[in-house]
Amino acid sequence: MRHKEFAEKIIGCAYRVYNKMGYGFLESVYEKCLVLELRKAGLRAESQHPIRVSYDGEVVGDFVADIVVEDTVIVELQSVRRLVSAHEIPRETRGQLCRRYG
């Protein structure tokens, strides 16, 4: 599956959850719903996936991704009515996580 098709499938699942559930629930509710939708779409999805973070070959911490899809894409959920810049993971961090999973 190409990257664009893969991303569109994940985004489509997220839209289905939002259209069925609306807003106002806790993030954990949306996470469980999205994992169900991803699996119904034939994708392998793992919730609360631990990722060990290393720096210069040394473990410096742990990160728990909300959802990891097909061991390739990290999905971080935000349960808010409106996104602001504080909700975004800095680009450098996303790049590091992508290289870790890429």
Protein backbone atom coordinates (compact mmCIF):
# COMPACT_ATOMS: atom_id res chain seq x y z
CA MET A 1 0.00 0.00 0.00
CA ARG A 2 1.39 3.43 -0.91
CA HIS A 3 1.89 6.09 1.78
CA LYS A 4 -0.95 8.29 0.50
CA GLU A 5 -3.44 5.40 0.44
CA PHE A 6 -2.28 4.30 3.89
CA ALA A 7 -2.72 7.81 5.32
CA GLU A 8 -6.12 8.20 3.65
CA LYS A 9 -7.28 4.93 5.18
CA ILE A 10 -6.23 6.03 8.68
CA ILE A 11 -7.79 9.48 8.27
CA GLY A 12 -10.98 7.92 6.94
CA CYS A 13 -11.22 5.76 10.06
CA ALA A 14 -10.74 8.84 12.25
CA TYR A 15 -13.53 10.67 10.40
CA ARG A 16 -15.85 7.69 10.84
CA VAL A 17 -15.24 7.74 14.59
CA TYR A 18 -15.86 11.48 14.79
CA ASN A 19 -19.01 11.29 12.65
CA LYS A 20 -20.43 8.49 14.83
CA MET A 21 -19.32 9.80 18.23
CA GLY A 22 -19.23 13.59 17.84
CA TYR A 23 -17.25 15.58 20.38
CA GLY A 24 -17.20 15.66 24.16
CA PHE A 25 -15.77 12.28 25.16
CA LEU A 26 -12.48 11.54 26.84
CA GLU A 27 -9.48 10.79 24.65
CA SER A 28 -9.48 7.17 25.85
CA VAL A 29 -12.97 6.63 24.38
CA TYR A 30 -11.94 7.95 20.97
CA GLU A 31 -8.76 5.85 21.13
CA LYS A 32 -10.72 2.64 21.65
CA CYS A 33 -13.17 3.56 18.88
CA LEU A 34 -10.37 4.38 16.45
CA VAL A 35 -8.55 1.12 17.14
CA LEU A 36 -11.81 -0.73 16.38
CA GLU A 37 -12.26 1.20 13.10
CA LEU A 38 -8.65 0.64 12.05
CA ARG A 39 -8.98 -3.09 12.66
CA LYS A 40 -12.30 -3.21 10.76
CA ALA A 41 -10.42 -1.56 7.88
CA GLY A 42 -7.94 -4.43 7.91
CA LEU A 43 -5.11 -2.54 9.59
CA ARG A 44 -3.05 -3.80 12.50
CA ALA A 45 -3.38 -1.24 15.32
CA GLU A 46 -1.95 -1.32 18.83
CA SER A 47 -3.12 1.01 21.57
CA GLN A 48 -0.80 2.52 24.23
CA HIS A 49 2.32 1.24 22.49
CA PRO A 50 5.54 1.81 24.49
CA ILE A 51 8.56 3.24 22.68
CA ARG A 52 11.99 3.41 24.27
CA VAL A 53 13.81 6.67 23.55
CA SER A 54 17.59 6.62 23.12
CA TYR A 55 20.19 9.35 22.83
CA ASP A 56 23.78 8.62 21.78
CA GLY A 57 23.12 4.94 22.30
CA GLU A 58 21.76 5.38 25.83
CA VAL A 59 18.17 4.96 26.93
CA VAL A 60 16.93 8.33 28.19
CA GLY A 61 13.24 7.67 28.63
CA ASP A 62 10.07 6.05 27.47
CA PHE A 63 7.23 7.34 25.34
CA VAL A 64 3.79 5.78 25.03
CA ALA A 65 2.14 6.31 21.65
CA ASP A 66 -1.66 6.45 21.70
CA ILE A 67 -1.90 4.15 18.66
CA VAL A 68 0.66 2.56 16.36
CA VAL A 69 -0.68 1.39 13.00
CA GLU A 70 1.07 -1.40 11.09
CA ASP A 71 4.29 -0.74 13.08
CA THR A 72 4.70 2.30 10.82
CA VAL A 73 2.46 5.22 11.81
CA ILE A 74 2.18 6.80 15.24
CA VAL A 75 -1.26 8.30 15.91
CA GLU A 76 -1.49 10.80 18.75
CA LEU A 77 -5.04 11.76 19.65
CA GLN A 78 -6.24 15.12 20.95
CA SER A 79 -9.70 15.35 22.45
CA VAL A 80 -10.36 19.09 22.22
CA ARG A 81 -12.92 21.24 20.46
CA ARG A 82 -10.21 23.27 18.76
CA LEU A 83 -6.52 22.60 18.14
CA VAL A 84 -3.95 25.21 19.08
CA SER A 85 -0.20 25.20 18.52
CA ALA A 86 0.43 23.82 22.04
CA HIS A 87 -1.26 20.55 20.96
CA GLU A 88 1.22 19.89 18.18
CA ILE A 89 4.25 17.68 18.64
CA PRO A 90 7.28 19.65 17.44
CA ARG A 91 8.37 18.64 13.93
CA GLU A 92 11.77 17.52 15.20
CA THR A 93 10.16 15.08 17.64
CA ARG A 94 7.88 13.66 14.94
CA GLY A 95 10.87 13.23 12.66
CA GLN A 96 12.80 11.38 15.33
CA LEU A 97 9.84 9.08 16.02
CA CYS A 98 9.41 8.45 12.29
CA ARG A 99 13.07 7.53 11.91
CA ARG A 100 12.72 5.22 14.90
CA TYR A 101 9.75 3.50 13.26
CA GLY A 102 10.77 4.06 9.66
